[in-house]
């Protein structure tokens, strides 16, 4: 297996079914996520936290699938080693793809992003790290990946924060057209959850942004 990413709490490996399970499925690629021990934690607490987070992530992915979200399948959860084995989503990162296609295609993809997020929120899940770097275009489908910060939370506040973070990420990465792009995201979101939900989430995002502006003004006056 090959280490492809290392974060604060986990190492991500790419391998094949045969390497992990000893079964040859035409070299089908998989992702192995290993939540590594933290030496600064009390061992009993460390095990408890890693186990809880591994179980929660697997449950979130399973529920998201049930609600029609394009995300990886979970093949195995190993709570002895704190490992999740999941589907490898082969495709192109949306971050780069969006910058290479005409504007009408960008907006269509952003609407599909909004639909995927709408289904996720309908399932009572927030992603926690919505960026176009955590989205893969496979064929004509947009997949959400990296659910390490996801949680079960159906509150308007949590959903508003989820989309606010995406808006900020798009502003940073796709700054020349992010306003049109994020508007298209909200259009897709409304297609899944309805116009009332869309209006509520837009108002919540504005409220969250106003809090940030207030804190910034307060800091400048200090």
N, C-alpha and C. Protein backbone atom coordinates (compact mmCIF):
# COMPACT_ATOMS: atom_id res chain seq x y z
N UNK A 1 0.84 -1.20 0.00
CA UNK A 1 0.00 0.00 0.00
C UNK A 1 0.87 1.24 0.00
N UNK A 2 0.30 2.33 -0.49
CA UNK A 2 1.06 3.56 -0.63
C UNK A 2 0.42 4.67 0.19
N UNK A 3 1.23 5.32 1.04
CA UNK A 3 0.74 6.46 1.83
C UNK A 3 0.51 7.63 0.89
N UNK A 4 -0.73 8.16 0.87
CA UNK A 4 -1.03 9.27 -0.03
C UNK A 4 -1.37 10.56 0.70
N UNK A 5 -1.66 10.47 1.99
CA UNK A 5 -1.97 11.68 2.76
C UNK A 5 -1.81 11.38 4.24
N UNK A 6 -1.44 12.43 4.97
CA UNK A 6 -1.32 12.29 6.43
C UNK A 6 -1.84 13.55 7.08
N UNK A 7 -2.87 13.40 7.89
CA UNK A 7 -3.46 14.53 8.59
C UNK A 7 -3.13 14.47 10.07
N UNK A 8 -3.81 15.31 10.84
CA UNK A 8 -3.55 15.39 12.27
C UNK A 8 -3.97 14.12 12.99
N UNK A 9 -5.00 13.44 12.46
CA UNK A 9 -5.51 12.28 13.19
C UNK A 9 -5.42 10.96 12.44
N UNK A 10 -5.10 11.00 11.15
CA UNK A 10 -5.11 9.75 10.40
C UNK A 10 -4.11 9.74 9.26
N UNK A 11 -3.70 8.53 8.89
CA UNK A 11 -2.90 8.30 7.69
C UNK A 11 -3.80 7.64 6.65
N UNK A 12 -3.68 8.11 5.40
CA UNK A 12 -4.52 7.59 4.32
C UNK A 12 -3.63 6.83 3.34
N UNK A 13 -3.99 5.58 3.09
CA UNK A 13 -3.23 4.74 2.17
C UNK A 13 -4.10 4.37 0.97
N UNK A 14 -3.45 4.19 -0.17
CA UNK A 14 -4.12 3.65 -1.34
C UNK A 14 -3.58 2.25 -1.59
N UNK A 15 -4.48 1.31 -1.82
CA UNK A 15 -4.06 -0.06 -2.07
C UNK A 15 -5.05 -0.75 -2.97
N UNK A 16 -4.98 -2.07 -2.99
CA UNK A 16 -5.92 -2.86 -3.78
C UNK A 16 -6.66 -3.83 -2.88
N UNK A 17 -7.76 -4.35 -3.37
CA UNK A 17 -8.54 -5.35 -2.64
C UNK A 17 -7.66 -6.55 -2.28
N UNK A 18 -6.82 -6.94 -3.22
CA UNK A 18 -5.99 -8.13 -3.00
C UNK A 18 -5.00 -7.89 -1.86
N UNK A 19 -4.42 -6.68 -1.78
CA UNK A 19 -3.46 -6.39 -0.73
C UNK A 19 -4.09 -6.45 0.66
N UNK A 20 -5.33 -5.99 0.77
CA UNK A 20 -5.99 -5.90 2.07
C UNK A 20 -6.76 -7.16 2.44
N UNK A 21 -7.51 -7.69 1.46
CA UNK A 21 -8.39 -8.82 1.76
C UNK A 21 -7.91 -10.15 1.17
N UNK A 22 -6.86 -10.10 0.35
CA UNK A 22 -6.37 -11.33 -0.27
C UNK A 22 -7.27 -11.85 -1.37
N UNK A 23 -8.14 -10.98 -1.87
CA UNK A 23 -9.07 -11.36 -2.94
C UNK A 23 -8.79 -10.48 -4.16
N UNK A 24 -8.59 -11.12 -5.30
CA UNK A 24 -8.29 -10.37 -6.52
C UNK A 24 -9.59 -9.94 -7.19
N UNK A 25 -9.88 -8.65 -7.13
CA UNK A 25 -11.06 -8.11 -7.82
C UNK A 25 -10.59 -7.18 -8.93
N UNK A 26 -9.84 -7.76 -9.87
CA UNK A 26 -9.33 -7.02 -11.02
C UNK A 26 -8.58 -5.77 -10.59
N UNK A 27 -7.78 -5.93 -9.51
CA UNK A 27 -6.96 -4.83 -9.00
C UNK A 27 -7.77 -3.61 -8.59
N UNK A 28 -8.99 -3.84 -8.10
CA UNK A 28 -9.81 -2.71 -7.66
C UNK A 28 -9.10 -1.95 -6.54
N UNK A 29 -9.02 -0.64 -6.69
CA UNK A 29 -8.30 0.18 -5.72
C UNK A 29 -9.21 0.55 -4.55
N UNK A 30 -8.60 0.66 -3.39
CA UNK A 30 -9.33 1.02 -2.18
C UNK A 30 -8.54 2.05 -1.39
N UNK A 31 -9.23 2.66 -0.45
CA UNK A 31 -8.60 3.60 0.48
C UNK A 31 -8.63 2.98 1.87
N UNK A 32 -7.51 3.06 2.56
CA UNK A 32 -7.41 2.56 3.93
C UNK A 32 -7.08 3.76 4.83
N UNK A 33 -7.98 4.05 5.74
CA UNK A 33 -7.80 5.18 6.65
C UNK A 33 -7.48 4.65 8.04
N UNK A 34 -6.30 4.97 8.53
CA UNK A 34 -5.85 4.48 9.84
C UNK A 34 -5.75 5.65 10.82
N UNK A 35 -6.60 5.62 11.82
CA UNK A 35 -6.52 6.64 12.88
C UNK A 35 -5.39 6.25 13.82
N UNK A 36 -4.35 7.07 13.83
CA UNK A 36 -3.12 6.71 14.55
C UNK A 36 -3.21 7.11 16.02
N UNK A 37 -2.52 6.37 16.91
CA UNK A 37 -2.51 6.72 18.34
C UNK A 37 -1.85 8.07 18.57
N UNK A 38 -2.31 8.75 19.61
CA UNK A 38 -1.73 10.03 20.02
C UNK A 38 -1.04 9.84 21.37
N UNK A 39 0.27 10.02 21.38
CA UNK A 39 1.04 9.75 22.60
C UNK A 39 0.72 10.71 23.74
N UNK A 40 0.24 11.91 23.39
CA UNK A 40 -0.03 12.89 24.44
C UNK A 40 -1.33 12.59 25.19
N UNK A 41 -2.14 11.66 24.69
CA UNK A 41 -3.39 11.30 25.36
C UNK A 41 -3.17 10.13 26.31
N UNK A 42 -4.00 10.09 27.35
CA UNK A 42 -4.05 8.90 28.19
C UNK A 42 -4.49 7.74 27.32
N UNK A 43 -3.78 6.61 27.34
CA UNK A 43 -4.06 5.52 26.40
C UNK A 43 -5.53 5.10 26.34
N UNK A 44 -6.19 4.97 27.48
CA UNK A 44 -7.59 4.54 27.49
C UNK A 44 -8.49 5.55 26.77
N UNK A 45 -8.20 6.83 26.97
CA UNK A 45 -8.99 7.89 26.31
C UNK A 45 -8.70 7.90 24.82
N UNK A 46 -7.44 7.70 24.47
CA UNK A 46 -7.05 7.69 23.06
C UNK A 46 -7.78 6.58 22.30
N UNK A 47 -7.81 5.39 22.87
CA UNK A 47 -8.50 4.27 22.22
C UNK A 47 -9.98 4.57 22.08
N UNK A 48 -10.57 5.10 23.15
CA UNK A 48 -12.00 5.42 23.14
C UNK A 48 -12.34 6.43 22.05
N UNK A 49 -11.54 7.50 21.95
CA UNK A 49 -11.79 8.54 20.95
C UNK A 49 -11.63 8.03 19.53
N UNK A 50 -10.57 7.28 19.29
CA UNK A 50 -10.33 6.77 17.94
C UNK A 50 -11.41 5.78 17.53
N UNK A 51 -11.86 4.97 18.47
CA UNK A 51 -12.92 4.01 18.17
C UNK A 51 -14.22 4.74 17.86
N UNK A 52 -14.59 5.71 18.70
CA UNK A 52 -15.83 6.46 18.49
C UNK A 52 -15.82 7.18 17.15
N UNK A 53 -14.70 7.79 16.79
CA UNK A 53 -14.62 8.55 15.54
C UNK A 53 -14.64 7.64 14.32
N UNK A 54 -14.03 6.46 14.44
CA UNK A 54 -14.06 5.51 13.33
C UNK A 54 -15.48 4.99 13.10
N UNK A 55 -16.17 4.64 14.18
CA UNK A 55 -17.54 4.15 14.08
C UNK A 55 -18.45 5.24 13.52
N UNK A 56 -18.28 6.47 14.03
CA UNK A 56 -19.15 7.56 13.57
C UNK A 56 -18.95 7.83 12.08
N UNK A 57 -17.71 7.86 11.62
CA UNK A 57 -17.46 8.13 10.21
C UNK A 57 -18.09 7.06 9.33
N UNK A 58 -17.96 5.79 9.74
CA UNK A 58 -18.55 4.71 8.96
C UNK A 58 -20.07 4.82 8.92
N UNK A 59 -20.68 5.14 10.06
CA UNK A 59 -22.13 5.29 10.12
C UNK A 59 -22.60 6.46 9.26
N UNK A 60 -21.83 7.54 9.30
CA UNK A 60 -22.19 8.72 8.49
C UNK A 60 -22.17 8.38 7.01
N UNK A 61 -21.12 7.70 6.57
CA UNK A 61 -21.03 7.33 5.15
C UNK A 61 -22.17 6.39 4.75
N UNK A 62 -22.52 5.47 5.63
CA UNK A 62 -23.62 4.55 5.33
C UNK A 62 -24.95 5.30 5.22
N UNK A 63 -25.20 6.20 6.16
CA UNK A 63 -26.46 6.96 6.13
C UNK A 63 -26.51 7.89 4.91
N UNK A 64 -25.38 8.52 4.61
CA UNK A 64 -25.33 9.41 3.44
C UNK A 64 -25.69 8.63 2.17
N UNK A 65 -25.15 7.42 2.04
CA UNK A 65 -25.48 6.57 0.89
C UNK A 65 -26.98 6.31 0.83
N UNK A 66 -27.58 6.05 1.97
CA UNK A 66 -29.02 5.76 2.01
C UNK A 66 -29.85 6.92 1.48
N UNK A 67 -29.33 8.15 1.64
CA UNK A 67 -30.05 9.34 1.19
C UNK A 67 -29.62 9.81 -0.19
N UNK A 68 -28.88 8.97 -0.89
CA UNK A 68 -28.53 9.27 -2.27
C UNK A 68 -27.33 10.16 -2.48
N UNK A 69 -26.51 10.32 -1.44
CA UNK A 69 -25.29 11.13 -1.57
C UNK A 69 -24.22 10.30 -2.26
N UNK A 70 -23.55 10.89 -3.24
CA UNK A 70 -22.41 10.23 -3.87
C UNK A 70 -21.20 10.34 -2.95
N UNK A 71 -20.84 9.22 -2.34
CA UNK A 71 -19.70 9.19 -1.42
C UNK A 71 -19.15 7.76 -1.41
N UNK A 72 -17.99 7.52 -0.80
CA UNK A 72 -17.39 6.18 -0.86
C UNK A 72 -18.20 5.13 -0.10
N UNK A 73 -18.21 3.91 -0.63
CA UNK A 73 -18.72 2.76 0.11
C UNK A 73 -17.72 2.37 1.20
N UNK A 74 -18.22 1.92 2.32
CA UNK A 74 -17.36 1.39 3.38
C UNK A 74 -17.34 -0.13 3.25
N UNK A 75 -16.15 -0.71 3.11
CA UNK A 75 -16.02 -2.16 2.96
C UNK A 75 -15.77 -2.85 4.29
N UNK A 76 -15.06 -2.18 5.18
CA UNK A 76 -14.73 -2.81 6.47
C UNK A 76 -14.38 -1.74 7.49
N UNK A 77 -14.77 -2.01 8.75
CA UNK A 77 -14.34 -1.17 9.88
C UNK A 77 -13.63 -2.09 10.86
N UNK A 78 -12.34 -1.88 11.06
CA UNK A 78 -11.53 -2.70 11.95
C UNK A 78 -11.26 -1.90 13.22
N UNK A 79 -11.99 -2.22 14.30
CA UNK A 79 -11.86 -1.46 15.53
C UNK A 79 -10.72 -1.93 16.41
N UNK A 80 -10.04 -2.97 15.99
CA UNK A 80 -8.83 -3.38 16.71
C UNK A 80 -7.68 -2.46 16.33
N UNK A 81 -7.58 -2.18 15.03
CA UNK A 81 -6.50 -1.32 14.54
C UNK A 81 -6.96 0.10 14.21
N UNK A 82 -8.26 0.38 14.40
CA UNK A 82 -8.86 1.69 14.10
C UNK A 82 -8.68 2.05 12.62
N UNK A 83 -9.12 1.14 11.76
CA UNK A 83 -8.96 1.28 10.32
C UNK A 83 -10.33 1.21 9.64
N UNK A 84 -10.54 2.10 8.68
CA UNK A 84 -11.72 2.02 7.81
C UNK A 84 -11.21 1.75 6.39
N UNK A 85 -11.77 0.72 5.77
CA UNK A 85 -11.44 0.40 4.38
C UNK A 85 -12.63 0.84 3.53
N UNK A 86 -12.37 1.68 2.55
CA UNK A 86 -13.47 2.22 1.75
C UNK A 86 -13.11 2.29 0.27
N UNK A 87 -14.13 2.57 -0.50
CA UNK A 87 -14.00 2.66 -1.95
C UNK A 87 -13.06 3.81 -2.34
N UNK A 88 -12.23 3.55 -3.35
CA UNK A 88 -11.41 4.60 -3.95
C UNK A 88 -12.22 5.27 -5.05
N UNK A 89 -12.43 6.57 -4.93
CA UNK A 89 -13.19 7.30 -5.94
C UNK A 89 -12.20 7.85 -6.97
N UNK A 90 -12.19 7.19 -8.11
CA UNK A 90 -11.25 7.60 -9.16
C UNK A 90 -11.88 8.68 -10.02
N UNK A 91 -11.17 9.75 -10.22
CA UNK A 91 -11.68 10.85 -11.02
C UNK A 91 -10.79 12.06 -10.86
N UNK A 92 -11.34 13.21 -11.14
CA UNK A 92 -10.58 14.46 -11.08
C UNK A 92 -11.11 15.34 -9.97
N UNK A 93 -10.20 15.96 -9.23
CA UNK A 93 -10.65 16.89 -8.18
C UNK A 93 -11.43 18.03 -8.81
N UNK A 94 -12.56 18.34 -8.20
CA UNK A 94 -13.42 19.39 -8.74
C UNK A 94 -12.70 20.74 -8.72
N UNK A 95 -11.82 20.94 -7.77
CA UNK A 95 -11.09 22.20 -7.66
C UNK A 95 -10.40 22.57 -8.97
N UNK A 96 -9.70 21.63 -9.56
CA UNK A 96 -8.99 21.91 -10.82
C UNK A 96 -9.95 21.90 -12.01
N UNK A 97 -10.88 20.95 -12.01
CA UNK A 97 -11.77 20.80 -13.16
C UNK A 97 -12.60 22.05 -13.39
N UNK A 98 -13.08 22.66 -12.31
CA UNK A 98 -13.92 23.85 -12.45
C UNK A 98 -13.21 25.01 -13.13
N UNK A 99 -11.90 25.05 -13.02
CA UNK A 99 -11.13 26.14 -13.62
C UNK A 99 -10.81 25.88 -15.09
N UNK A 100 -11.16 24.69 -15.57
CA UNK A 100 -10.76 24.32 -16.93
C UNK A 100 -11.94 24.23 -17.90
N UNK A 101 -13.15 24.48 -17.41
CA UNK A 101 -14.33 24.29 -18.26
C UNK A 101 -15.07 25.61 -18.44
N UNK A 102 -15.94 25.71 -19.45
CA UNK A 102 -16.71 26.94 -19.67
C UNK A 102 -17.63 27.26 -18.49
N UNK A 103 -18.05 28.52 -18.41
CA UNK A 103 -18.83 28.98 -17.28
C UNK A 103 -20.14 28.23 -17.11
N UNK A 104 -20.82 27.91 -18.20
CA UNK A 104 -22.10 27.21 -18.06
C UNK A 104 -21.91 25.83 -17.45
N UNK A 105 -20.80 25.16 -17.80
CA UNK A 105 -20.52 23.84 -17.21
C UNK A 105 -20.15 23.99 -15.73
N UNK A 106 -19.40 25.04 -15.41
CA UNK A 106 -19.06 25.29 -14.00
C UNK A 106 -20.33 25.41 -13.15
N UNK A 107 -21.26 26.21 -13.65
CA UNK A 107 -22.48 26.47 -12.88
C UNK A 107 -23.34 25.21 -12.77
N UNK A 108 -23.38 24.40 -13.82
CA UNK A 108 -24.12 23.13 -13.74
C UNK A 108 -23.51 22.21 -12.69
N UNK A 109 -22.18 22.18 -12.63
CA UNK A 109 -21.50 21.36 -11.62
C UNK A 109 -21.75 21.91 -10.22
N UNK A 110 -21.77 23.22 -10.09
CA UNK A 110 -22.04 23.82 -8.78
C UNK A 110 -23.46 23.50 -8.31
N UNK A 111 -24.41 23.47 -9.25
CA UNK A 111 -25.78 23.08 -8.88
C UNK A 111 -25.81 21.63 -8.38
N UNK A 112 -25.02 20.78 -9.04
CA UNK A 112 -24.96 19.38 -8.61
C UNK A 112 -24.30 19.28 -7.23
N UNK A 113 -23.29 20.10 -6.98
CA UNK A 113 -22.70 20.16 -5.64
C UNK A 113 -23.78 20.52 -4.62
N UNK A 114 -24.59 21.51 -4.94
CA UNK A 114 -25.67 21.91 -4.05
C UNK A 114 -26.66 20.79 -3.79
N UNK A 115 -26.97 20.00 -4.82
CA UNK A 115 -27.89 18.86 -4.66
C UNK A 115 -27.29 17.82 -3.72
N UNK A 116 -25.99 17.55 -3.90
CA UNK A 116 -25.34 16.57 -3.02
C UNK A 116 -25.35 17.04 -1.57
N UNK A 117 -25.06 18.32 -1.36
CA UNK A 117 -25.07 18.86 0.01
C UNK A 117 -26.49 18.85 0.56
N UNK A 118 -27.47 19.14 -0.30
CA UNK A 118 -28.86 19.10 0.14
C UNK A 118 -29.25 17.71 0.63
N UNK A 119 -28.84 16.68 -0.10
CA UNK A 119 -29.14 15.30 0.32
C UNK A 119 -28.43 14.96 1.63
N UNK A 120 -27.20 15.44 1.75
CA UNK A 120 -26.43 15.21 2.97
C UNK A 120 -27.13 15.85 4.17
N UNK A 121 -27.54 17.09 4.03
CA UNK A 121 -28.22 17.79 5.11
C UNK A 121 -29.59 17.18 5.39
N UNK A 122 -30.24 16.69 4.36
CA UNK A 122 -31.53 16.01 4.55
C UNK A 122 -31.36 14.77 5.40
N UNK A 123 -30.19 14.14 5.32
CA UNK A 123 -29.88 12.96 6.13
C UNK A 123 -29.51 13.32 7.56
N UNK A 124 -29.46 14.62 7.86
CA UNK A 124 -29.08 15.05 9.21
C UNK A 124 -27.59 15.03 9.44
N UNK A 125 -26.81 15.22 8.36
CA UNK A 125 -25.35 15.16 8.44
C UNK A 125 -24.77 16.48 7.95
N UNK A 126 -23.74 16.97 8.65
CA UNK A 126 -22.93 18.07 8.13
C UNK A 126 -21.53 17.53 7.83
N UNK A 127 -20.95 18.01 6.76
CA UNK A 127 -19.65 17.48 6.31
C UNK A 127 -18.50 17.99 7.15
N UNK A 128 -18.52 19.28 7.46
CA UNK A 128 -17.47 19.86 8.32
C UNK A 128 -16.25 20.37 7.59
N UNK A 129 -16.08 20.00 6.31
CA UNK A 129 -14.91 20.45 5.55
C UNK A 129 -15.24 20.51 4.07
N UNK A 130 -16.31 21.25 3.76
CA UNK A 130 -16.76 21.35 2.37
C UNK A 130 -15.86 22.29 1.58
N UNK A 131 -15.07 21.72 0.70
CA UNK A 131 -14.26 22.48 -0.24
C UNK A 131 -14.29 21.73 -1.56
N UNK A 132 -13.97 22.41 -2.64
CA UNK A 132 -13.94 21.71 -3.93
C UNK A 132 -12.74 20.76 -4.02
N UNK A 133 -11.81 20.84 -3.06
CA UNK A 133 -10.72 19.85 -2.98
C UNK A 133 -11.23 18.52 -2.45
N UNK A 134 -12.33 18.55 -1.71
CA UNK A 134 -12.92 17.33 -1.15
C UNK A 134 -14.10 16.84 -1.98
N UNK A 135 -14.05 17.15 -3.27
CA UNK A 135 -15.08 16.69 -4.20
C UNK A 135 -14.38 16.14 -5.44
N UNK A 136 -14.87 15.00 -5.91
CA UNK A 136 -14.28 14.33 -7.07
C UNK A 136 -15.32 14.21 -8.17
N UNK A 137 -14.92 14.51 -9.40
CA UNK A 137 -15.80 14.30 -10.54
C UNK A 137 -15.45 12.95 -11.16
N UNK A 138 -16.37 12.00 -11.04
CA UNK A 138 -16.19 10.68 -11.64
C UNK A 138 -17.26 10.49 -12.70
N UNK A 139 -16.85 10.48 -13.95
CA UNK A 139 -17.82 10.50 -15.03
C UNK A 139 -18.55 11.82 -15.00
N UNK A 140 -19.86 11.76 -14.85
CA UNK A 140 -20.66 12.99 -14.76
C UNK A 140 -21.18 13.22 -13.35
N UNK A 141 -20.68 12.43 -12.38
CA UNK A 141 -21.17 12.53 -11.01
C UNK A 141 -20.16 13.21 -10.11
N UNK A 142 -20.67 14.06 -9.22
CA UNK A 142 -19.84 14.71 -8.21
C UNK A 142 -19.90 13.88 -6.93
N UNK A 143 -18.74 13.50 -6.41
CA UNK A 143 -18.65 12.71 -5.18
C UNK A 143 -18.06 13.57 -4.05
N UNK A 144 -18.63 13.45 -2.87
CA UNK A 144 -18.07 14.07 -1.68
C UNK A 144 -17.16 13.06 -1.00
N UNK A 145 -15.97 13.50 -0.59
CA UNK A 145 -15.03 12.62 0.10
C UNK A 145 -14.54 13.29 1.38
N UNK A 146 -13.73 12.56 2.14
CA UNK A 146 -13.08 13.04 3.37
C UNK A 146 -14.12 13.49 4.41
N UNK A 147 -14.73 12.51 5.05
CA UNK A 147 -15.76 12.76 6.05
C UNK A 147 -15.21 12.72 7.48
N UNK A 148 -13.92 12.96 7.64
CA UNK A 148 -13.30 12.88 8.96
C UNK A 148 -13.83 13.88 9.96
N UNK A 149 -14.34 15.03 9.50
CA UNK A 149 -14.87 16.05 10.40
C UNK A 149 -16.41 16.07 10.38
N UNK A 150 -17.01 15.12 9.68
CA UNK A 150 -18.48 15.10 9.57
C UNK A 150 -19.12 14.71 10.88
N UNK A 151 -20.40 15.09 11.02
CA UNK A 151 -21.12 14.77 12.26
C UNK A 151 -22.62 14.71 11.97
N UNK A 152 -23.33 14.03 12.86
CA UNK A 152 -24.78 14.03 12.80
C UNK A 152 -25.28 15.32 13.46
N UNK A 153 -25.84 16.21 12.69
CA UNK A 153 -26.34 17.49 13.22
C UNK A 153 -27.31 18.08 12.20
N UNK A 154 -28.57 18.17 12.57
CA UNK A 154 -29.58 18.66 11.63
C UNK A 154 -30.00 20.10 11.92
N UNK A 155 -29.31 20.78 12.84
CA UNK A 155 -29.70 22.14 13.19
C UNK A 155 -29.40 23.11 12.04
N UNK A 156 -30.19 24.16 11.97
CA UNK A 156 -29.97 25.18 10.94
C UNK A 156 -28.60 25.84 11.10
N UNK A 157 -28.18 26.04 12.34
CA UNK A 157 -26.88 26.64 12.61
C UNK A 157 -25.76 25.80 12.00
N UNK A 158 -25.78 24.50 12.26
CA UNK A 158 -24.72 23.62 11.76
C UNK A 158 -24.72 23.57 10.24
N UNK A 159 -25.91 23.53 9.64
CA UNK A 159 -25.99 23.49 8.18
C UNK A 159 -25.53 24.81 7.58
N UNK A 160 -25.85 25.91 8.27
CA UNK A 160 -25.40 27.21 7.80
C UNK A 160 -23.89 27.34 7.84
N UNK A 161 -23.29 26.85 8.92
CA UNK A 161 -21.83 26.89 9.04
C UNK A 161 -21.19 26.04 7.95
N UNK A 162 -21.78 24.86 7.68
CA UNK A 162 -21.26 23.97 6.64
C UNK A 162 -21.17 24.70 5.29
N UNK A 163 -22.26 25.36 4.91
CA UNK A 163 -22.29 26.07 3.63
C UNK A 163 -21.47 27.36 3.66
N UNK A 164 -21.42 28.00 4.81
CA UNK A 164 -20.59 29.20 4.94
C UNK A 164 -19.12 28.86 4.70
N UNK A 165 -18.69 27.71 5.22
CA UNK A 165 -17.30 27.29 5.01
C UNK A 165 -17.04 27.01 3.53
N UNK A 166 -18.03 26.42 2.84
CA UNK A 166 -17.87 26.20 1.40
C UNK A 166 -17.78 27.52 0.66
N UNK A 167 -18.61 28.47 1.04
CA UNK A 167 -18.58 29.78 0.38
C UNK A 167 -17.20 30.43 0.54
N UNK A 168 -16.65 30.38 1.74
CA UNK A 168 -15.32 30.96 1.98
C UNK A 168 -14.26 30.22 1.18
N UNK A 169 -14.37 28.89 1.10
CA UNK A 169 -13.40 28.11 0.33
C UNK A 169 -13.48 28.45 -1.15
N UNK A 170 -14.70 28.62 -1.66
CA UNK A 170 -14.86 28.99 -3.07
C UNK A 170 -14.34 30.39 -3.33
N UNK A 171 -14.55 31.29 -2.39
CA UNK A 171 -14.05 32.66 -2.54
C UNK A 171 -12.53 32.67 -2.65
N UNK A 172 -11.90 31.79 -1.88
CA UNK A 172 -10.44 31.71 -1.88
C UNK A 172 -9.89 31.04 -3.13
N UNK A 173 -10.55 29.95 -3.55
CA UNK A 173 -10.03 29.13 -4.65
C UNK A 173 -10.52 29.58 -6.02
N UNK A 174 -11.79 29.99 -6.09
CA UNK A 174 -12.42 30.35 -7.36
C UNK A 174 -12.89 31.81 -7.31
N UNK A 175 -12.00 32.69 -6.88
CA UNK A 175 -12.37 34.06 -6.52
C UNK A 175 -12.94 34.88 -7.68
N UNK A 176 -12.60 34.54 -8.92
CA UNK A 176 -13.07 35.37 -10.05
C UNK A 176 -14.55 35.13 -10.37
N UNK A 177 -15.10 34.01 -9.91
CA UNK A 177 -16.49 33.69 -10.27
C UNK A 177 -17.27 33.04 -9.12
N UNK A 178 -16.73 33.11 -7.89
CA UNK A 178 -17.33 32.36 -6.79
C UNK A 178 -18.75 32.80 -6.47
N UNK A 179 -19.09 34.10 -6.67
CA UNK A 179 -20.44 34.56 -6.33
C UNK A 179 -21.48 33.86 -7.18
N UNK A 180 -21.24 33.78 -8.49
CA UNK A 180 -22.15 33.06 -9.37
C UNK A 180 -22.17 31.57 -9.04
N UNK A 181 -20.99 31.04 -8.74
CA UNK A 181 -20.88 29.62 -8.41
C UNK A 181 -21.63 29.26 -7.15
N UNK A 182 -21.49 30.08 -6.11
CA UNK A 182 -22.16 29.76 -4.85
C UNK A 182 -23.67 29.95 -4.98
N UNK A 183 -24.08 30.91 -5.78
CA UNK A 183 -25.52 31.08 -6.06
C UNK A 183 -26.08 29.81 -6.70
N UNK A 184 -25.31 29.21 -7.62
CA UNK A 184 -25.73 27.96 -8.27
C UNK A 184 -25.78 26.81 -7.26
N UNK A 185 -24.83 26.79 -6.32
CA UNK A 185 -24.85 25.78 -5.24
C UNK A 185 -26.17 25.87 -4.48
N UNK A 186 -26.57 27.08 -4.11
CA UNK A 186 -27.81 27.27 -3.36
C UNK A 186 -29.04 26.89 -4.19
N UNK A 187 -28.97 27.11 -5.50
CA UNK A 187 -30.07 26.70 -6.37
C UNK A 187 -30.25 25.18 -6.32
N UNK A 188 -29.14 24.45 -6.44
CA UNK A 188 -29.19 23.00 -6.35
C UNK A 188 -29.66 22.52 -4.99
N UNK A 189 -29.22 23.21 -3.96
CA UNK A 189 -29.64 22.89 -2.58
C UNK A 189 -31.16 23.02 -2.45
N UNK A 190 -31.70 24.10 -3.01
CA UNK A 190 -33.13 24.34 -2.95
C UNK A 190 -33.94 23.31 -3.73
N UNK A 191 -33.35 22.77 -4.81
CA UNK A 191 -34.03 21.74 -5.58
C UNK A 191 -34.31 20.49 -4.73
N UNK A 192 -33.42 20.21 -3.80
CA UNK A 192 -33.56 19.02 -2.95
C UNK A 192 -34.43 19.30 -1.72
N UNK A 193 -34.19 20.43 -1.08
CA UNK A 193 -34.85 20.72 0.20
C UNK A 193 -35.98 21.72 0.10
N UNK A 194 -36.17 22.31 -1.06
CA UNK A 194 -37.27 23.26 -1.23
C UNK A 194 -36.82 24.70 -1.06
N UNK A 195 -37.63 25.61 -1.61
CA UNK A 195 -37.27 27.03 -1.58
C UNK A 195 -37.30 27.62 -0.18
N UNK A 196 -38.18 27.12 0.67
CA UNK A 196 -38.22 27.61 2.05
C UNK A 196 -36.90 27.32 2.76
N UNK A 197 -36.42 26.09 2.61
CA UNK A 197 -35.14 25.71 3.23
C UNK A 197 -33.99 26.52 2.64
N UNK A 198 -34.07 26.77 1.34
CA UNK A 198 -33.02 27.57 0.69
C UNK A 198 -32.99 28.99 1.27
N UNK A 199 -34.15 29.58 1.43
CA UNK A 199 -34.22 30.94 1.98
C UNK A 199 -33.71 30.97 3.41
N UNK A 200 -34.09 29.96 4.21
CA UNK A 200 -33.64 29.89 5.60
C UNK A 200 -32.12 29.77 5.68
N UNK A 201 -31.55 28.95 4.80
CA UNK A 201 -30.10 28.75 4.85
C UNK A 201 -29.37 30.00 4.38
N UNK A 202 -29.91 30.70 3.38
CA UNK A 202 -29.30 31.95 2.93
C UNK A 202 -29.29 32.98 4.06
N UNK A 203 -30.39 33.09 4.78
CA UNK A 203 -30.47 34.03 5.90
C UNK A 203 -29.49 33.65 7.00
N UNK A 204 -29.37 32.35 7.26
CA UNK A 204 -28.43 31.89 8.30
C UNK A 204 -26.99 32.19 7.89
N UNK A 205 -26.66 31.98 6.63
CA UNK A 205 -25.29 32.29 6.16
C UNK A 205 -25.00 33.78 6.32
N UNK A 206 -25.96 34.63 5.96
CA UNK A 206 -25.79 36.07 6.14
C UNK A 206 -25.58 36.42 7.61
N UNK A 207 -26.33 35.77 8.48
CA UNK A 207 -26.18 36.02 9.92
C UNK A 207 -24.79 35.61 10.40
N UNK A 208 -24.32 34.45 9.96
CA UNK A 208 -22.98 33.98 10.35
C UNK A 208 -21.91 34.94 9.84
N UNK A 209 -22.08 35.42 8.63
CA UNK A 209 -21.12 36.38 8.06
C UNK A 209 -21.13 37.69 8.84
N UNK A 210 -22.31 38.13 9.27
CA UNK A 210 -22.41 39.39 10.02
C UNK A 210 -21.72 39.28 11.37
N UNK A 211 -21.78 38.10 11.98
CA UNK A 211 -21.06 37.88 13.25
C UNK A 211 -19.56 38.04 13.04
N UNK A 212 -19.07 37.48 11.92
CA UNK A 212 -17.64 37.59 11.61
C UNK A 212 -17.22 39.02 11.39
N UNK A 213 -18.06 39.79 10.70
CA UNK A 213 -17.73 41.21 10.47
C UNK A 213 -17.74 41.98 11.78
N UNK A 214 -18.67 41.63 12.68
CA UNK A 214 -18.74 42.32 13.97
C UNK A 214 -17.48 42.04 14.79
N UNK A 215 -17.04 40.78 14.81
CA UNK A 215 -15.83 40.44 15.58
C UNK A 215 -14.62 41.14 14.98
N UNK A 216 -14.57 41.24 13.65
CA UNK A 216 -13.43 41.92 12.99
C UNK A 216 -13.41 43.39 13.36
N UNK A 217 -14.57 44.05 13.35
CA UNK A 217 -14.63 45.48 13.74
C UNK A 217 -14.23 45.67 15.19
N UNK A 218 -14.69 44.74 16.05
CA UNK A 218 -14.36 44.84 17.47
C UNK A 218 -12.87 44.70 17.69
N UNK A 219 -12.23 43.80 16.93
CA UNK A 219 -10.78 43.60 17.07
C UNK A 219 -10.03 44.83 16.58
N UNK A 220 -10.50 45.45 15.50
CA UNK A 220 -9.81 46.63 14.96
C UNK A 220 -9.90 47.82 15.92
N UNK A 221 -11.01 47.88 16.69
CA UNK A 221 -11.18 49.00 17.63
C UNK A 221 -10.34 48.80 18.89
N UNK A 222 -10.00 47.55 19.19
CA UNK A 222 -9.30 47.24 20.44
C UNK A 222 -7.86 47.82 20.43
